[in-house]
Structures are given as structure tokens and as C-alpha cells.
N, C-alpha and C. Protein backbone atom coordinates (compact mmCIF):
# COMPACT_ATOMS: atom_id res chain seq x y z
N MET A 1 0.86 -1.18 0.00
CA MET A 1 0.00 0.00 0.00
C MET A 1 0.90 1.24 0.00
N GLU A 2 0.49 2.21 -0.73
CA GLU A 2 1.25 3.45 -0.82
C GLU A 2 1.30 4.15 0.55
N PRO A 3 2.41 4.77 0.88
CA PRO A 3 2.50 5.47 2.17
C PRO A 3 1.45 6.57 2.32
N LEU A 4 1.15 7.28 1.23
CA LEU A 4 0.15 8.35 1.30
C LEU A 4 -1.23 7.78 1.66
N VAL A 5 -1.59 6.68 1.03
CA VAL A 5 -2.89 6.05 1.31
C VAL A 5 -2.93 5.55 2.75
N ARG A 6 -1.83 4.99 3.21
CA ARG A 6 -1.76 4.50 4.59
C ARG A 6 -1.95 5.66 5.58
N TRP A 7 -1.29 6.79 5.32
CA TRP A 7 -1.44 7.96 6.19
C TRP A 7 -2.87 8.49 6.15
N LEU A 8 -3.46 8.54 4.96
CA LEU A 8 -4.84 9.04 4.85
C LEU A 8 -5.83 8.12 5.57
N LEU A 9 -5.67 6.83 5.41
CA LEU A 9 -6.55 5.90 6.11
C LEU A 9 -6.35 5.97 7.63
N GLY A 10 -5.10 6.08 8.05
CA GLY A 10 -4.82 6.21 9.49
C GLY A 10 -5.43 7.48 10.05
N GLY A 11 -5.30 8.58 9.32
CA GLY A 11 -5.90 9.84 9.77
C GLY A 11 -7.41 9.76 9.82
N PHE A 12 -8.00 9.07 8.84
CA PHE A 12 -9.45 8.90 8.82
C PHE A 12 -9.93 8.10 10.03
N VAL A 13 -9.24 7.02 10.34
CA VAL A 13 -9.61 6.19 11.49
C VAL A 13 -9.46 6.97 12.79
N VAL A 14 -8.37 7.69 12.93
CA VAL A 14 -8.15 8.48 14.14
C VAL A 14 -9.20 9.58 14.28
N SER A 15 -9.55 10.21 13.17
CA SER A 15 -10.57 11.27 13.24
C SER A 15 -11.93 10.69 13.62
N LEU A 16 -12.26 9.53 13.10
CA LEU A 16 -13.52 8.88 13.49
C LEU A 16 -13.52 8.56 14.99
N LEU A 17 -12.38 8.10 15.48
CA LEU A 17 -12.28 7.80 16.91
C LEU A 17 -12.46 9.06 17.74
N PHE A 18 -11.83 10.15 17.34
CA PHE A 18 -11.99 11.40 18.08
C PHE A 18 -13.43 11.92 18.02
N ILE A 19 -14.08 11.75 16.89
CA ILE A 19 -15.48 12.18 16.78
C ILE A 19 -16.36 11.39 17.75
N VAL A 20 -16.14 10.09 17.82
CA VAL A 20 -16.92 9.25 18.74
C VAL A 20 -16.67 9.67 20.19
N VAL A 21 -15.43 9.89 20.55
CA VAL A 21 -15.10 10.29 21.93
C VAL A 21 -15.69 11.66 22.24
N ALA A 22 -15.59 12.61 21.32
CA ALA A 22 -16.13 13.95 21.55
C ALA A 22 -17.66 13.90 21.70
N ARG A 23 -18.31 13.09 20.89
CA ARG A 23 -19.77 12.96 20.99
C ARG A 23 -20.17 12.35 22.33
N TRP A 24 -19.41 11.36 22.78
CA TRP A 24 -19.71 10.74 24.07
C TRP A 24 -19.59 11.76 25.20
N PHE A 25 -18.50 12.56 25.21
CA PHE A 25 -18.34 13.59 26.23
C PHE A 25 -19.46 14.62 26.14
N TRP A 26 -19.82 15.01 24.91
CA TRP A 26 -20.87 16.01 24.72
C TRP A 26 -22.19 15.52 25.31
N LYS A 27 -22.57 14.29 25.00
CA LYS A 27 -23.83 13.74 25.51
C LYS A 27 -23.80 13.59 27.02
N ARG A 28 -22.65 13.24 27.56
CA ARG A 28 -22.57 12.99 29.00
C ARG A 28 -22.56 14.27 29.83
N TYR A 29 -21.84 15.29 29.38
CA TYR A 29 -21.63 16.47 30.21
C TYR A 29 -22.40 17.70 29.76
N ASP A 30 -23.15 17.63 28.67
CA ASP A 30 -23.88 18.80 28.19
C ASP A 30 -25.32 18.76 28.68
N GLN A 31 -25.49 18.87 29.99
CA GLN A 31 -26.81 18.87 30.60
C GLN A 31 -26.87 20.06 31.55
N PRO A 32 -28.01 20.73 31.59
CA PRO A 32 -28.12 21.88 32.48
C PRO A 32 -28.06 21.46 33.95
N SER A 33 -27.52 22.34 34.76
CA SER A 33 -27.42 22.05 36.19
C SER A 33 -28.79 22.24 36.83
N GLU A 34 -28.89 21.84 38.07
CA GLU A 34 -30.15 22.00 38.81
C GLU A 34 -30.52 23.47 38.93
N ALA A 35 -29.53 24.32 39.17
CA ALA A 35 -29.79 25.75 39.30
C ALA A 35 -30.32 26.33 37.98
N ALA A 36 -29.74 25.89 36.87
CA ALA A 36 -30.19 26.38 35.56
C ALA A 36 -31.61 25.92 35.27
N LEU A 37 -31.93 24.69 35.61
CA LEU A 37 -33.29 24.19 35.41
C LEU A 37 -34.29 24.97 36.25
N GLU A 38 -33.92 25.25 37.49
CA GLU A 38 -34.81 26.02 38.37
C GLU A 38 -35.02 27.43 37.83
N LEU A 39 -33.96 28.05 37.35
CA LEU A 39 -34.06 29.40 36.79
C LEU A 39 -34.98 29.40 35.56
N GLN A 40 -34.84 28.42 34.70
CA GLN A 40 -35.70 28.32 33.51
C GLN A 40 -37.16 28.15 33.92
N LYS A 41 -37.40 27.35 34.93
CA LYS A 41 -38.76 27.12 35.41
C LYS A 41 -39.36 28.42 35.96
N GLU A 42 -38.58 29.15 36.74
CA GLU A 42 -39.06 30.42 37.30
C GLU A 42 -39.34 31.43 36.19
N GLN A 43 -38.48 31.50 35.21
CA GLN A 43 -38.68 32.44 34.11
C GLN A 43 -39.94 32.10 33.32
N GLU A 44 -40.20 30.82 33.11
CA GLU A 44 -41.40 30.40 32.40
C GLU A 44 -42.66 30.76 33.20
N GLU A 45 -42.60 30.56 34.52
CA GLU A 45 -43.75 30.91 35.36
C GLU A 45 -44.00 32.42 35.35
N LYS A 46 -42.94 33.20 35.42
CA LYS A 46 -43.09 34.66 35.36
C LYS A 46 -43.66 35.10 34.02
N ARG A 47 -43.21 34.46 32.95
CA ARG A 47 -43.70 34.80 31.61
C ARG A 47 -45.20 34.50 31.50
N LYS A 48 -45.62 33.36 32.04
CA LYS A 48 -47.05 33.00 32.01
C LYS A 48 -47.87 33.98 32.84
N GLU A 49 -47.36 34.33 34.03
CA GLU A 49 -48.07 35.27 34.90
C GLU A 49 -48.18 36.65 34.24
N ARG A 50 -47.11 37.08 33.58
CA ARG A 50 -47.14 38.36 32.89
C ARG A 50 -48.19 38.36 31.78
N LYS A 51 -48.31 37.26 31.05
CA LYS A 51 -49.32 37.17 30.00
C LYS A 51 -50.72 37.25 30.58
N VAL A 52 -50.92 36.61 31.72
CA VAL A 52 -52.24 36.63 32.36
C VAL A 52 -52.58 38.05 32.76
N TRP A 53 -51.64 38.76 33.37
CA TRP A 53 -51.93 40.12 33.82
C TRP A 53 -52.08 41.10 32.64
N GLU A 54 -51.37 40.83 31.55
CA GLU A 54 -51.53 41.70 30.37
C GLU A 54 -52.91 41.53 29.73
N SER A 55 -53.46 40.35 29.83
CA SER A 55 -54.77 40.10 29.23
C SER A 55 -55.92 40.63 30.07
N VAL A 56 -55.63 40.98 31.31
CA VAL A 56 -56.71 41.49 32.21
C VAL A 56 -57.01 42.90 31.96
């Protein structure tokens, strides 16, 4: 096999491996914290309450 083809295939395999590892880390650690979830919930409740009062 030509050295260039060997390098290209090796780089392709390594890049696929890095993509899989990066995706695994992304799925595992890309979740909102409890504080962020609570803040989002409060903001949604305030938004709903504001709409109710605007319609009155």
C-alpha cells in the first residue's frame, strides 16, 4: 500500500475515533445544572403570569 494512502486511512480512522469520543463527552456532560433548570422554570412561570396580567 502506498505510504500516502496508509497515512490518509490512518488519519481517517483516528478522526472517526476522536469524533466518537467527543460525541460521548458532549452527551454525558452537556446537561443543564439543577440551578439552571430552576431558573428556567421560574422564568417560564413569570412569563405566564405576565401574559395573564396583560390580558386582564
